[in-house]
Amino acid sequence: MEPTWHDGLSRKALVELVEGLLLAMDKAVPRLDAIAHHLSLMSPQGEEFEVLGGISDQIADIADELYAASDREKLREWGNEIDAPGKAN
C-alpha cells in the first residue's frame, strides 16, 4: 500500500483534525460572504470601484468552494466508504 499523508495518525486524531477544519470553515464562510456583500455594495458607486466587483465575486466563489468542501453528508459517506469491510485505508 502507498504511504499517504495520514500515515501514523490514529483514527481519533484524523477525526479531530477534520472536525477542526470544519469548524474553521464554518467560521470562515459567513465572514467571506459578508466581505463579498460589502464589496459588492461599494462596486456600483463608480468606475473606480469596478475592481471591487471582481474581488467580491472571487471572495464569494471562495466561500462557495469552502461551503461545498465542508458538506458533512458527503464527508460522512466518504468516511463510511473507507470503513467498509474489504476497503484499504
Protein backbone atom coordinates (compact mmCIF):
# COMPACT_ATOMS: atom_id res chain seq x y z
CA MET A 1 0.00 0.00 0.00
CA GLU A 2 1.24 3.51 -0.84
CA PRO A 3 2.04 5.83 2.05
CA THR A 4 -0.44 8.65 2.46
CA TRP A 5 -0.40 11.98 4.29
CA HIS A 6 -2.26 10.43 7.23
CA ASP A 7 0.14 7.53 7.87
CA GLY A 8 0.89 7.31 11.54
CA LEU A 9 -2.16 9.29 12.67
CA SER A 10 -4.79 7.46 14.67
CA ARG A 11 -8.41 7.49 13.54
CA LYS A 12 -9.21 9.70 16.55
CA ALA A 13 -6.53 12.20 15.50
CA LEU A 14 -7.88 12.26 11.94
CA VAL A 15 -11.43 12.84 13.19
CA GLU A 16 -10.24 15.67 15.43
CA LEU A 17 -8.32 17.19 12.51
CA VAL A 18 -11.36 17.08 10.22
CA GLU A 19 -13.63 18.47 12.94
CA GLY A 20 -11.20 21.35 13.50
CA LEU A 21 -11.05 22.09 9.78
CA LEU A 22 -14.85 22.02 9.51
CA LEU A 23 -15.18 24.39 12.45
CA ALA A 24 -12.73 26.77 10.78
CA MET A 25 -14.77 26.59 7.56
CA ASP A 26 -17.98 27.24 9.49
CA LYS A 27 -16.43 30.44 10.81
CA ALA A 28 -14.78 31.48 7.53
CA VAL A 29 -17.71 31.09 5.11
CA PRO A 30 -20.02 33.68 6.75
CA ARG A 31 -17.13 36.12 7.05
CA LEU A 32 -16.24 35.71 3.39
CA ASP A 33 -19.89 36.14 2.45
CA ALA A 34 -20.07 39.36 4.46
CA ILE A 35 -16.90 40.72 2.84
CA ALA A 36 -18.21 39.86 -0.63
CA HIS A 37 -21.53 41.54 0.18
CA HIS A 38 -19.93 44.78 1.40
CA LEU A 39 -17.59 44.94 -1.58
CA SER A 40 -20.49 44.35 -3.96
CA LEU A 41 -22.37 47.25 -2.34
CA MET A 42 -19.38 49.53 -2.94
CA SER A 43 -18.70 48.49 -6.55
CA PRO A 44 -21.74 50.11 -8.24
CA GLN A 45 -20.81 53.52 -6.81
CA GLY A 46 -18.37 54.39 -9.56
CA GLU A 47 -15.91 53.17 -12.14
CA GLU A 48 -13.01 53.49 -9.71
CA PHE A 49 -14.67 50.79 -7.62
CA GLU A 50 -15.20 48.42 -10.55
CA VAL A 51 -12.30 46.25 -9.41
CA LEU A 52 -14.15 45.68 -6.12
CA GLY A 53 -16.89 43.87 -8.02
CA GLY A 54 -14.32 41.40 -9.35
CA ILE A 55 -12.82 40.94 -5.91
CA SER A 56 -16.29 40.48 -4.45
CA ASP A 57 -17.07 37.76 -7.00
CA GLN A 58 -13.81 35.96 -6.24
CA ILE A 59 -14.42 36.05 -2.49
CA ALA A 60 -17.95 34.74 -3.00
CA ASP A 61 -16.54 31.91 -5.15
CA ILE A 62 -14.04 31.00 -2.41
CA ALA A 63 -16.85 30.93 0.16
CA ASP A 64 -18.92 28.67 -2.11
CA GLU A 65 -15.99 26.29 -2.58
CA LEU A 66 -15.34 26.13 1.16
CA TYR A 67 -19.02 25.54 1.85
CA ALA A 68 -19.15 22.72 -0.72
CA ALA A 69 -15.98 21.16 0.72
CA SER A 70 -17.49 21.14 4.20
CA ASP A 71 -20.59 19.16 3.18
CA ARG A 72 -20.99 16.94 6.25
CA GLU A 73 -23.14 14.36 4.47
CA LYS A 74 -20.59 13.91 1.67
CA LEU A 75 -17.76 13.60 4.22
CA ARG A 76 -19.76 11.07 6.24
CA GLU A 77 -20.38 8.97 3.11
CA TRP A 78 -16.68 9.14 2.23
CA GLY A 79 -15.72 8.05 5.76
CA ASN A 80 -18.20 5.16 5.66
CA GLU A 81 -16.78 4.01 2.32
CA ILE A 82 -13.28 3.92 3.83
CA ASP A 83 -14.56 1.96 6.85
CA ALA A 84 -16.45 -0.58 4.71
CA PRO A 85 -15.15 -4.14 5.06
CA GLY A 86 -12.68 -5.02 2.34
CA LYS A 87 -11.61 -1.42 1.72
CA ALA A 88 -7.96 -0.46 2.16
CA ASN A 89 -7.26 2.64 4.21
